Amino acid sequence: MPYYRKFLMCGLILALLMLCLSACSSGNTFSTSTTPAPSNAAPTATPTPRQASLLPFTPPTKCQPPSPISTKLPEVRGTTPNAELWALLFPTSGLPIKAKQEIKIVWRMTGSGDIHLRAYNPDGKSVNPVWGPEEHGGSSWNRPGAEWGTGFNFPTPGCWNVHVERTNVSGDVWFNVA
């Protein structure tokens, strides 16, 4: 093959390669984030349309026994009638969980759809995660379901119920916060 044909062929291959790479790297014009934008408004108990479409749930009016925390890993199996629910705890100052200190909790739950979490105490107080839920692509923690990370800061000691929902399933994890 003459030199100019090799040069032309290389140029054509390079142009096709550039075209393919630019098609693969074009950015999305939409966001996949599930974290709502920060708001300066005070928290409210009125459910958003998204929350209203979730499964029926009545916040607790009395405490349940805390969910047992395993001794090997600080993990908890949640109570749920129709799914698998697990929480892996990453306390910054050991166990028990302490009030007014952020704790990272990794969640695994079977089911479908986004995950929604909110913590309640029997006095009617409720808190959302201080961050998250952030979907994890995977990890070495071997429990069923998709995985998310959250941060919680329980404002007062006592009994706290973290209620967890996906589109078609729900469950609860009970903590005794010191």
N, C-alpha and C. Protein backbone atom coordinates (compact mmCIF):
# COMPACT_ATOMS: atom_id res chain seq x y z
N MET A 1 0.86 -1.17 0.00
CA MET A 1 0.00 0.00 0.00
C MET A 1 0.91 1.23 0.00
N PRO A 2 0.65 2.16 -0.89
CA PRO A 2 1.48 3.37 -0.96
C PRO A 2 1.36 4.17 0.34
N TYR A 3 2.38 5.01 0.57
CA TYR A 3 2.51 5.80 1.80
C TYR A 3 1.29 6.68 2.04
N TYR A 4 0.81 7.40 1.01
CA TYR A 4 -0.31 8.32 1.21
C TYR A 4 -1.59 7.57 1.58
N ARG A 5 -1.76 6.32 1.10
CA ARG A 5 -2.95 5.54 1.46
C ARG A 5 -2.87 5.11 2.93
N LYS A 6 -1.67 4.74 3.41
CA LYS A 6 -1.50 4.41 4.82
C LYS A 6 -1.81 5.63 5.68
N PHE A 7 -1.32 6.80 5.24
CA PHE A 7 -1.56 8.04 5.96
C PHE A 7 -3.06 8.36 5.98
N LEU A 8 -3.73 8.20 4.86
CA LEU A 8 -5.17 8.45 4.75
C LEU A 8 -5.95 7.47 5.61
N MET A 9 -5.55 6.19 5.61
CA MET A 9 -6.22 5.16 6.40
C MET A 9 -6.05 5.45 7.89
N CYS A 10 -4.86 5.83 8.33
CA CYS A 10 -4.62 6.18 9.74
C CYS A 10 -5.46 7.38 10.14
N GLY A 11 -5.55 8.37 9.26
CA GLY A 11 -6.37 9.55 9.54
C GLY A 11 -7.84 9.20 9.69
N LEU A 12 -8.33 8.31 8.84
CA LEU A 12 -9.72 7.88 8.89
C LEU A 12 -9.99 7.11 10.18
N ILE A 13 -9.09 6.22 10.54
CA ILE A 13 -9.24 5.45 11.78
C ILE A 13 -9.22 6.39 12.98
N LEU A 14 -8.31 7.35 12.98
CA LEU A 14 -8.21 8.31 14.08
C LEU A 14 -9.50 9.14 14.18
N ALA A 15 -10.05 9.56 13.06
CA ALA A 15 -11.29 10.35 13.06
C ALA A 15 -12.45 9.52 13.62
N LEU A 16 -12.55 8.25 13.22
CA LEU A 16 -13.61 7.39 13.74
C LEU A 16 -13.45 7.15 15.24
N LEU A 17 -12.21 6.98 15.68
CA LEU A 17 -11.94 6.78 17.10
C LEU A 17 -12.35 8.02 17.90
N MET A 18 -12.03 9.21 17.39
CA MET A 18 -12.39 10.46 18.07
C MET A 18 -13.92 10.60 18.13
N LEU A 19 -14.59 10.23 17.06
CA LEU A 19 -16.05 10.30 17.02
C LEU A 19 -16.66 9.37 18.07
N CYS A 20 -16.13 8.16 18.15
CA CYS A 20 -16.63 7.20 19.14
C CYS A 20 -16.38 7.70 20.56
N LEU A 21 -15.19 8.21 20.83
CA LEU A 21 -14.87 8.69 22.17
C LEU A 21 -15.72 9.88 22.55
N SER A 22 -15.96 10.78 21.64
CA SER A 22 -16.79 11.95 21.97
C SER A 22 -18.23 11.53 22.22
N ALA A 23 -18.72 10.51 21.55
CA ALA A 23 -20.08 10.03 21.78
C ALA A 23 -20.19 9.38 23.15
N CYS A 24 -19.13 8.68 23.58
CA CYS A 24 -19.15 8.01 24.87
C CYS A 24 -19.01 8.99 26.03
N SER A 25 -18.37 10.11 25.81
CA SER A 25 -18.10 11.01 26.92
C SER A 25 -19.05 12.18 27.00
N SER A 26 -20.09 12.21 26.18
CA SER A 26 -21.01 13.34 26.27
C SER A 26 -21.77 13.26 27.58
N GLY A 27 -21.89 14.37 28.27
CA GLY A 27 -22.51 14.40 29.59
C GLY A 27 -24.02 14.32 29.51
N ASN A 28 -24.62 13.85 30.61
CA ASN A 28 -26.07 13.82 30.71
C ASN A 28 -26.58 15.24 30.94
N THR A 29 -27.77 15.50 30.50
CA THR A 29 -28.36 16.81 30.74
C THR A 29 -29.33 16.76 31.91
N PHE A 30 -29.36 15.64 32.64
CA PHE A 30 -30.23 15.54 33.79
C PHE A 30 -29.42 15.05 34.96
N SER A 31 -29.94 15.24 36.17
CA SER A 31 -29.25 14.84 37.39
C SER A 31 -29.83 13.52 37.87
N THR A 32 -28.96 12.64 38.40
CA THR A 32 -29.43 11.39 38.96
C THR A 32 -29.40 11.44 40.48
N SER A 33 -29.10 12.57 41.05
CA SER A 33 -29.03 12.71 42.50
C SER A 33 -30.40 12.55 43.12
N THR A 34 -30.45 11.82 44.27
CA THR A 34 -31.70 11.70 45.00
C THR A 34 -31.71 12.60 46.22
N THR A 35 -30.64 13.37 46.44
CA THR A 35 -30.57 14.26 47.58
C THR A 35 -31.29 15.55 47.25
N PRO A 36 -32.26 15.95 48.07
CA PRO A 36 -32.96 17.19 47.78
C PRO A 36 -32.06 18.39 48.00
N ALA A 37 -32.38 19.48 47.32
CA ALA A 37 -31.61 20.71 47.48
C ALA A 37 -31.82 21.25 48.89
N PRO A 38 -30.74 21.84 49.49
CA PRO A 38 -30.88 22.38 50.83
C PRO A 38 -31.94 23.47 50.86
N SER A 39 -32.61 23.58 51.99
CA SER A 39 -33.65 24.58 52.14
C SER A 39 -33.45 25.32 53.44
N ASN A 40 -33.75 26.61 53.46
CA ASN A 40 -33.67 27.39 54.68
C ASN A 40 -34.96 27.32 55.48
N ALA A 41 -35.97 26.66 54.95
CA ALA A 41 -37.25 26.57 55.62
C ALA A 41 -37.15 25.64 56.82
N ALA A 42 -37.94 25.91 57.83
CA ALA A 42 -37.96 25.07 59.03
C ALA A 42 -38.58 23.73 58.67
N PRO A 43 -38.13 22.64 59.36
CA PRO A 43 -38.70 21.33 59.08
C PRO A 43 -40.21 21.33 59.37
N THR A 44 -40.92 20.53 58.64
CA THR A 44 -42.37 20.47 58.80
C THR A 44 -42.81 19.02 58.82
N ALA A 45 -43.90 18.76 59.49
CA ALA A 45 -44.42 17.39 59.56
C ALA A 45 -45.33 17.07 58.39
N THR A 46 -45.67 18.04 57.57
CA THR A 46 -46.53 17.80 56.42
C THR A 46 -45.78 16.97 55.39
N PRO A 47 -46.31 15.82 54.99
CA PRO A 47 -45.59 14.98 54.03
C PRO A 47 -45.55 15.62 52.65
N THR A 48 -44.44 15.43 51.98
CA THR A 48 -44.33 15.86 50.60
C THR A 48 -45.12 14.87 49.74
N PRO A 49 -45.43 15.21 48.48
CA PRO A 49 -46.13 14.24 47.62
C PRO A 49 -45.36 12.93 47.52
N ARG A 50 -44.02 13.01 47.51
CA ARG A 50 -43.21 11.80 47.43
C ARG A 50 -43.41 10.95 48.68
N GLN A 51 -43.40 11.59 49.88
CA GLN A 51 -43.60 10.85 51.11
C GLN A 51 -45.02 10.30 51.20
N ALA A 52 -45.99 11.07 50.74
CA ALA A 52 -47.39 10.65 50.83
C ALA A 52 -47.65 9.40 50.00
N SER A 53 -46.85 9.16 48.97
CA SER A 53 -47.07 8.00 48.12
C SER A 53 -46.44 6.73 48.68
N LEU A 54 -45.72 6.84 49.79
CA LEU A 54 -45.08 5.67 50.38
C LEU A 54 -46.11 4.85 51.15
N LEU A 55 -45.65 3.72 51.68
CA LEU A 55 -46.53 2.83 52.41
C LEU A 55 -47.06 3.52 53.67
N PRO A 56 -48.26 3.15 54.13
CA PRO A 56 -48.79 3.77 55.35
C PRO A 56 -47.88 3.49 56.54
N PHE A 57 -47.66 4.52 57.36
CA PHE A 57 -46.81 4.36 58.54
C PHE A 57 -47.28 5.31 59.62
N THR A 58 -47.40 4.80 60.83
CA THR A 58 -47.73 5.62 61.98
C THR A 58 -46.52 5.67 62.89
N PRO A 59 -45.99 6.87 63.20
CA PRO A 59 -44.83 6.96 64.08
C PRO A 59 -45.12 6.30 65.43
N PRO A 60 -44.08 5.77 66.08
CA PRO A 60 -44.29 5.04 67.33
C PRO A 60 -44.74 5.97 68.46
N THR A 61 -45.55 5.41 69.37
CA THR A 61 -45.95 6.14 70.57
C THR A 61 -45.38 5.49 71.81
N LYS A 62 -44.75 4.34 71.65
CA LYS A 62 -44.06 3.68 72.76
C LYS A 62 -42.81 3.01 72.22
N CYS A 63 -41.89 2.77 73.11
CA CYS A 63 -40.61 2.20 72.72
C CYS A 63 -40.71 0.69 72.54
N GLN A 64 -39.98 0.19 71.58
CA GLN A 64 -39.83 -1.25 71.38
C GLN A 64 -38.44 -1.63 71.87
N PRO A 65 -38.21 -2.90 72.16
CA PRO A 65 -36.84 -3.29 72.54
C PRO A 65 -35.87 -2.94 71.42
N PRO A 66 -34.65 -2.51 71.77
CA PRO A 66 -33.69 -2.17 70.71
C PRO A 66 -33.37 -3.39 69.85
N SER A 67 -33.12 -3.15 68.58
CA SER A 67 -32.71 -4.22 67.68
C SER A 67 -31.34 -4.72 68.12
N PRO A 68 -31.15 -6.03 68.24
CA PRO A 68 -29.86 -6.54 68.71
C PRO A 68 -28.72 -6.18 67.75
N ILE A 69 -27.61 -5.75 68.32
CA ILE A 69 -26.40 -5.43 67.54
C ILE A 69 -25.45 -6.62 67.68
N SER A 70 -25.00 -7.18 66.55
CA SER A 70 -24.13 -8.35 66.59
C SER A 70 -22.77 -8.01 67.20
N THR A 71 -22.07 -9.02 67.65
CA THR A 71 -20.77 -8.81 68.29
C THR A 71 -19.62 -8.82 67.29
N LYS A 72 -19.76 -9.55 66.16
CA LYS A 72 -18.67 -9.58 65.18
C LYS A 72 -18.51 -8.23 64.49
N LEU A 73 -19.55 -7.82 63.80
CA LEU A 73 -19.62 -6.49 63.17
C LEU A 73 -20.72 -5.74 63.90
N PRO A 74 -20.60 -4.43 64.02
CA PRO A 74 -21.73 -3.71 64.62
C PRO A 74 -22.85 -3.59 63.59
N GLU A 75 -23.55 -4.71 63.36
CA GLU A 75 -24.64 -4.73 62.39
C GLU A 75 -25.93 -5.13 63.08
N VAL A 76 -27.03 -4.66 62.51
CA VAL A 76 -28.35 -4.87 63.08
C VAL A 76 -29.26 -5.41 61.99
N ARG A 77 -30.03 -6.42 62.32
CA ARG A 77 -31.06 -6.90 61.39
C ARG A 77 -32.37 -6.21 61.74
N GLY A 78 -32.95 -5.54 60.76
CA GLY A 78 -34.19 -4.82 60.99
C GLY A 78 -35.39 -5.74 61.05
N THR A 79 -36.49 -5.19 61.55
CA THR A 79 -37.76 -5.89 61.62
C THR A 79 -38.60 -5.46 60.43
N THR A 80 -39.02 -6.43 59.63
CA THR A 80 -39.81 -6.12 58.44
C THR A 80 -40.67 -7.32 58.07
N PRO A 81 -41.91 -7.08 57.66
CA PRO A 81 -42.78 -8.20 57.29
C PRO A 81 -42.57 -8.68 55.86
N ASN A 82 -41.87 -7.90 55.02
CA ASN A 82 -41.87 -8.24 53.60
C ASN A 82 -40.55 -7.98 52.89
N ALA A 83 -39.43 -7.91 53.64
CA ALA A 83 -38.14 -7.62 53.00
C ALA A 83 -37.01 -8.07 53.91
N GLU A 84 -35.80 -7.83 53.45
CA GLU A 84 -34.60 -7.98 54.28
C GLU A 84 -34.08 -6.57 54.54
N LEU A 85 -33.77 -6.26 55.78
CA LEU A 85 -33.26 -4.94 56.16
C LEU A 85 -32.09 -5.12 57.12
N TRP A 86 -30.96 -4.50 56.77
CA TRP A 86 -29.75 -4.57 57.59
C TRP A 86 -29.15 -3.18 57.73
N ALA A 87 -28.54 -2.94 58.89
CA ALA A 87 -27.84 -1.68 59.16
C ALA A 87 -26.45 -2.02 59.68
N LEU A 88 -25.43 -1.42 59.10
CA LEU A 88 -24.04 -1.57 59.54
C LEU A 88 -23.63 -0.24 60.15
N LEU A 89 -23.21 -0.26 61.42
CA LEU A 89 -22.95 0.96 62.18
C LEU A 89 -21.48 1.33 62.17
N PHE A 90 -21.21 2.62 62.01
CA PHE A 90 -19.86 3.16 62.07
C PHE A 90 -19.85 4.31 63.09
N PRO A 91 -19.94 3.98 64.41
CA PRO A 91 -19.95 5.04 65.41
C PRO A 91 -18.56 5.67 65.56
N THR A 92 -18.52 6.99 65.77
CA THR A 92 -17.23 7.67 65.92
C THR A 92 -16.66 7.50 67.32
N SER A 93 -17.52 7.18 68.29
CA SER A 93 -17.02 7.05 69.66
C SER A 93 -17.49 5.75 70.31
N GLY A 94 -17.57 4.70 69.53
CA GLY A 94 -17.95 3.40 70.06
C GLY A 94 -19.45 3.28 70.32
N LEU A 95 -19.82 2.11 70.81
CA LEU A 95 -21.22 1.84 71.14
C LEU A 95 -21.40 1.94 72.64
N PRO A 96 -22.56 2.30 73.13
CA PRO A 96 -23.79 2.54 72.40
C PRO A 96 -23.74 3.84 71.60
N ILE A 97 -24.69 4.00 70.70
CA ILE A 97 -24.82 5.24 69.93
C ILE A 97 -25.10 6.36 70.92
N LYS A 98 -24.46 7.49 70.70
CA LYS A 98 -24.61 8.62 71.61
C LYS A 98 -25.40 9.76 70.96
N ALA A 99 -26.22 10.42 71.76
CA ALA A 99 -26.99 11.57 71.29
C ALA A 99 -26.05 12.71 70.93
N LYS A 100 -26.47 13.51 69.96
CA LYS A 100 -25.75 14.70 69.52
C LYS A 100 -24.39 14.39 68.91
N GLN A 101 -24.19 13.14 68.47
CA GLN A 101 -22.98 12.75 67.75
C GLN A 101 -23.39 12.06 66.46
N GLU A 102 -22.79 12.48 65.36
CA GLU A 102 -23.14 11.88 64.07
C GLU A 102 -22.64 10.44 64.01
N ILE A 103 -23.47 9.59 63.47
CA ILE A 103 -23.10 8.19 63.23
C ILE A 103 -23.39 7.87 61.77
N LYS A 104 -22.42 7.22 61.14
CA LYS A 104 -22.63 6.74 59.77
C LYS A 104 -23.30 5.38 59.87
N ILE A 105 -24.35 5.20 59.07
CA ILE A 105 -25.04 3.91 59.01
C ILE A 105 -25.16 3.52 57.55
N VAL A 106 -24.68 2.32 57.23
CA VAL A 106 -24.83 1.77 55.88
C VAL A 106 -26.02 0.82 55.93
N TRP A 107 -26.90 0.97 54.98
CA TRP A 107 -28.14 0.19 54.93
C TRP A 107 -28.14 -0.73 53.73
N ARG A 108 -28.69 -1.92 53.92
CA ARG A 108 -29.01 -2.82 52.81
C ARG A 108 -30.46 -3.23 52.98
N MET A 109 -31.20 -3.11 51.86
CA MET A 109 -32.62 -3.48 51.90
C MET A 109 -33.03 -4.04 50.55
N THR A 110 -33.76 -5.15 50.60
CA THR A 110 -34.32 -5.71 49.38
C THR A 110 -35.53 -4.88 48.97
N GLY A 111 -36.04 -5.13 47.79
CA GLY A 111 -37.18 -4.37 47.29
C GLY A 111 -36.77 -3.59 46.06
N SER A 112 -37.58 -2.60 45.69
CA SER A 112 -37.27 -1.80 44.52
C SER A 112 -37.53 -0.33 44.82
N GLY A 113 -36.94 0.53 44.00
CA GLY A 113 -37.15 1.97 44.15
C GLY A 113 -36.16 2.61 45.10
N ASP A 114 -36.30 3.94 45.23
CA ASP A 114 -35.44 4.71 46.12
C ASP A 114 -35.70 4.30 47.57
N ILE A 115 -34.74 4.62 48.42
CA ILE A 115 -34.89 4.35 49.85
C ILE A 115 -35.22 5.67 50.55
N HIS A 116 -36.08 5.59 51.57
CA HIS A 116 -36.47 6.74 52.37
C HIS A 116 -36.32 6.35 53.83
N LEU A 117 -35.67 7.22 54.61
CA LEU A 117 -35.42 6.93 56.02
C LEU A 117 -35.79 8.14 56.87
N ARG A 118 -36.32 7.87 58.05
CA ARG A 118 -36.61 8.93 59.01
C ARG A 118 -36.62 8.27 60.39
N ALA A 119 -36.05 8.96 61.37
CA ALA A 119 -36.00 8.43 62.73
C ALA A 119 -37.06 9.11 63.59
N TYR A 120 -37.69 8.32 64.47
CA TYR A 120 -38.76 8.81 65.34
C TYR A 120 -38.48 8.36 66.76
N ASN A 121 -38.88 9.20 67.74
CA ASN A 121 -38.90 8.73 69.11
C ASN A 121 -40.34 8.76 69.60
N PRO A 122 -40.66 8.07 70.72
CA PRO A 122 -42.05 8.01 71.17
C PRO A 122 -42.63 9.36 71.59
N ASP A 123 -41.80 10.37 71.82
CA ASP A 123 -42.30 11.70 72.20
C ASP A 123 -42.78 12.50 71.00
N GLY A 124 -42.71 11.95 69.81
CA GLY A 124 -43.17 12.64 68.62
C GLY A 124 -42.10 13.39 67.87
N LYS A 125 -40.88 13.36 68.36
CA LYS A 125 -39.77 14.03 67.67
C LYS A 125 -39.32 13.16 66.51
N SER A 126 -38.96 13.79 65.39
CA SER A 126 -38.45 13.02 64.25
C SER A 126 -37.29 13.77 63.61
N VAL A 127 -36.38 13.01 63.01
CA VAL A 127 -35.23 13.60 62.33
C VAL A 127 -34.98 12.86 61.02
N ASN A 128 -34.57 13.62 60.03
CA ASN A 128 -34.10 13.05 58.77
C ASN A 128 -32.61 12.78 58.90
N PRO A 129 -32.04 12.00 57.99
CA PRO A 129 -30.58 11.86 57.99
C PRO A 129 -29.93 13.24 57.80
N VAL A 130 -28.76 13.45 58.43
CA VAL A 130 -28.04 14.71 58.22
C VAL A 130 -27.36 14.71 56.86
N TRP A 131 -27.14 13.55 56.29
CA TRP A 131 -26.68 13.41 54.91
C TRP A 131 -27.16 12.06 54.39
N GLY A 132 -27.23 11.98 53.07
CA GLY A 132 -27.68 10.77 52.43
C GLY A 132 -29.20 10.75 52.31
N PRO A 133 -29.73 9.66 51.82
CA PRO A 133 -29.03 8.43 51.49
C PRO A 133 -28.21 8.55 50.20
N GLU A 134 -27.01 7.98 50.26
CA GLU A 134 -26.12 7.92 49.10
C GLU A 134 -26.03 6.47 48.66
N GLU A 135 -26.44 6.22 47.43
CA GLU A 135 -26.40 4.85 46.91
C GLU A 135 -24.96 4.41 46.73
N HIS A 136 -24.66 3.20 47.18
CA HIS A 136 -23.33 2.61 47.01
C HIS A 136 -23.39 1.63 45.85
N GLY A 137 -22.34 1.60 45.06
CA GLY A 137 -22.27 0.66 43.95
C GLY A 137 -22.05 -0.77 44.41
N GLY A 138 -21.61 -0.95 45.62
CA GLY A 138 -21.32 -2.27 46.16
C GLY A 138 -20.27 -2.16 47.24
N SER A 139 -20.06 -3.24 47.94
CA SER A 139 -19.06 -3.27 49.00
C SER A 139 -18.76 -4.72 49.35
N SER A 140 -17.93 -4.91 50.35
CA SER A 140 -17.61 -6.26 50.79
C SER A 140 -18.57 -6.74 51.87
N TRP A 141 -19.51 -5.91 52.28
CA TRP A 141 -20.50 -6.30 53.28
C TRP A 141 -21.54 -7.17 52.59
N ASN A 142 -21.60 -8.42 53.00
CA ASN A 142 -22.40 -9.42 52.29
C ASN A 142 -23.77 -9.60 52.93
N ARG A 143 -24.69 -8.73 52.55
CA ARG A 143 -26.08 -8.83 52.97
C ARG A 143 -26.96 -8.59 51.75
N PRO A 144 -28.20 -9.12 51.73
CA PRO A 144 -29.05 -8.95 50.55
C PRO A 144 -29.55 -7.52 50.38
N GLY A 145 -29.82 -7.17 49.12
CA GLY A 145 -30.42 -5.88 48.81
C GLY A 145 -29.43 -4.86 48.31
N ALA A 146 -29.96 -3.73 47.87
CA ALA A 146 -29.14 -2.60 47.43
C ALA A 146 -28.60 -1.89 48.67
N GLU A 147 -27.53 -1.09 48.48
CA GLU A 147 -26.82 -0.50 49.62
C GLU A 147 -26.78 1.02 49.53
N TRP A 148 -27.01 1.67 50.66
CA TRP A 148 -26.95 3.14 50.78
C TRP A 148 -26.22 3.50 52.07
N GLY A 149 -25.63 4.69 52.09
CA GLY A 149 -25.03 5.23 53.29
C GLY A 149 -25.80 6.46 53.76
N THR A 150 -25.89 6.61 55.08
CA THR A 150 -26.53 7.80 55.66
C THR A 150 -25.73 8.24 56.88
N GLY A 151 -25.97 9.46 57.29
CA GLY A 151 -25.48 9.96 58.56
C GLY A 151 -26.67 10.40 59.39
N PHE A 152 -26.72 9.96 60.64
CA PHE A 152 -27.78 10.39 61.55
C PHE A 152 -27.16 11.08 62.75
N ASN A 153 -27.90 12.01 63.33
CA ASN A 153 -27.53 12.66 64.57
C ASN A 153 -28.80 12.71 65.41
N PHE A 154 -28.87 11.80 66.39
CA PHE A 154 -30.06 11.73 67.24
C PHE A 154 -29.95 12.83 68.29
N PRO A 155 -30.91 13.75 68.36
CA PRO A 155 -30.76 14.93 69.21
C PRO A 155 -30.90 14.67 70.71
N THR A 156 -31.57 13.58 71.08
CA THR A 156 -31.78 13.30 72.50
C THR A 156 -31.53 11.82 72.78
N PRO A 157 -31.13 11.51 74.02
CA PRO A 157 -31.00 10.09 74.39
C PRO A 157 -32.37 9.43 74.43
N GLY A 158 -32.35 8.12 74.40
CA GLY A 158 -33.58 7.35 74.51
C GLY A 158 -33.80 6.43 73.33
N CYS A 159 -35.02 6.02 73.21
CA CYS A 159 -35.42 5.06 72.18
C CYS A 159 -35.67 5.78 70.86
N TRP A 160 -35.07 5.28 69.78
CA TRP A 160 -35.27 5.85 68.44
C TRP A 160 -35.57 4.73 67.46
N ASN A 161 -36.58 4.94 66.64
CA ASN A 161 -36.96 4.00 65.59
C ASN A 161 -36.59 4.62 64.25
N VAL A 162 -35.69 3.97 63.50
CA VAL A 162 -35.41 4.41 62.14
C VAL A 162 -36.32 3.60 61.23
N HIS A 163 -37.26 4.30 60.61
CA HIS A 163 -38.21 3.66 59.70
C HIS A 163 -37.65 3.77 58.29
N VAL A 164 -37.57 2.65 57.59
CA VAL A 164 -36.95 2.58 56.27
C VAL A 164 -37.98 2.06 55.27
N GLU A 165 -38.08 2.73 54.12
CA GLU A 165 -39.04 2.32 53.09
C GLU A 165 -38.41 2.34 51.72
N ARG A 166 -38.85 1.42 50.89
CA ARG A 166 -38.65 1.48 49.45
C ARG A 166 -40.04 1.44 48.84
N THR A 167 -40.15 1.36 47.54
CA THR A 167 -41.46 1.47 46.88
C THR A 167 -42.49 0.49 47.44
N ASN A 168 -42.10 -0.75 47.64
CA ASN A 168 -43.08 -1.77 48.00
C ASN A 168 -42.78 -2.50 49.31
N VAL A 169 -41.80 -2.03 50.07
CA VAL A 169 -41.42 -2.70 51.32
C VAL A 169 -41.09 -1.64 52.38
N SER A 170 -41.14 -2.07 53.64
CA SER A 170 -40.77 -1.17 54.73
C SER A 170 -40.22 -1.99 55.89
N GLY A 171 -39.52 -1.32 56.78
CA GLY A 171 -38.97 -1.98 57.95
C GLY A 171 -38.50 -0.97 58.97
N ASP A 172 -38.08 -1.49 60.13
CA ASP A 172 -37.68 -0.63 61.24
C ASP A 172 -36.45 -1.20 61.94
N VAL A 173 -35.61 -0.28 62.40
CA VAL A 173 -34.50 -0.62 63.28
C VAL A 173 -34.64 0.27 64.51
N TRP A 174 -34.58 -0.36 65.69
CA TRP A 174 -34.74 0.37 66.95
C TRP A 174 -33.38 0.49 67.63
N PHE A 175 -33.05 1.72 68.04
CA PHE A 175 -31.79 1.99 68.74
C PHE A 175 -32.08 2.57 70.12
N ASN A 176 -31.28 2.18 71.11
CA ASN A 176 -31.30 2.83 72.41
C ASN A 176 -30.11 3.79 72.42
N VAL A 177 -30.37 5.07 72.30
CA VAL A 177 -29.33 6.09 72.19
C VAL A 177 -28.98 6.60 73.58
N ALA A 178 -27.69 6.61 73.90
CA ALA A 178 -27.22 7.05 75.23
C ALA A 178 -27.10 8.56 75.29
